[in-house]
């Protein structure tokens, strides 16, 4: 007879708490990267470019961008897939709202930070990527839900290879951001070398940090689980 683990209320609370913290850390990472003035991460490139050319905040555009991604997910899943993934689709709306709020909050908190020296901008960019990677690690470890961009990639992998989809997804976002920038202002802004650097180094940072957070998984399950028999 196999044993299957059922999460208790305490573990669920800890997981959702960790996920909430991960959203705040992700927002902090996005803001620090953006304030480096070398461009922003691919996932926020379109909302950031739009915010530069209109009075609407990057967080508000990020929420609208999430709705676009959810519509894309509906097209990818089809009617049967939508019914099977209904909760995952619905959960993205509150997650997007919280992440958008945190993004605006951290952008406001870092408004006075504007590095002049290029090397300081590079250092800020790398630190921002480290913060972003930490937030992603906590999101993955919490394992309760994800942000819309990651769900979009996951649903797309039902048809294509993950690595291929991730590259196409990031490249498409950057191209759309470039097109938006040129259309709205007649010049390229908000997308620079930092956008490429962030795309290249955030993944390795995630792989570096993840093994060092194993203690969090132990904290989740300590004295909070029950073993029940299953056929």
Foldseek 3Di string as FASTA:
>chain_A
DDKDKDFFPQLLVLLVVLLLVLLLLLLLLQLLLLLLFFFGALLQLQLVLVVVQDVDHSLVVQLVVLVVLLVLLCVLQDPVRCVVCVVQSVVQNVSSNSSSVSNVVSNVVCVPRHDDDNVVSVVSLVVSLLSNLVSVLSNVLSPPHDHSVVVSLVSCVVPPPSVVSLVVSSVVSLVVSQVSNCVRPVDGGNHHPSNVVSSPVSVVSNVVCNVVCVVSNVVSPPVGMDIDDDD
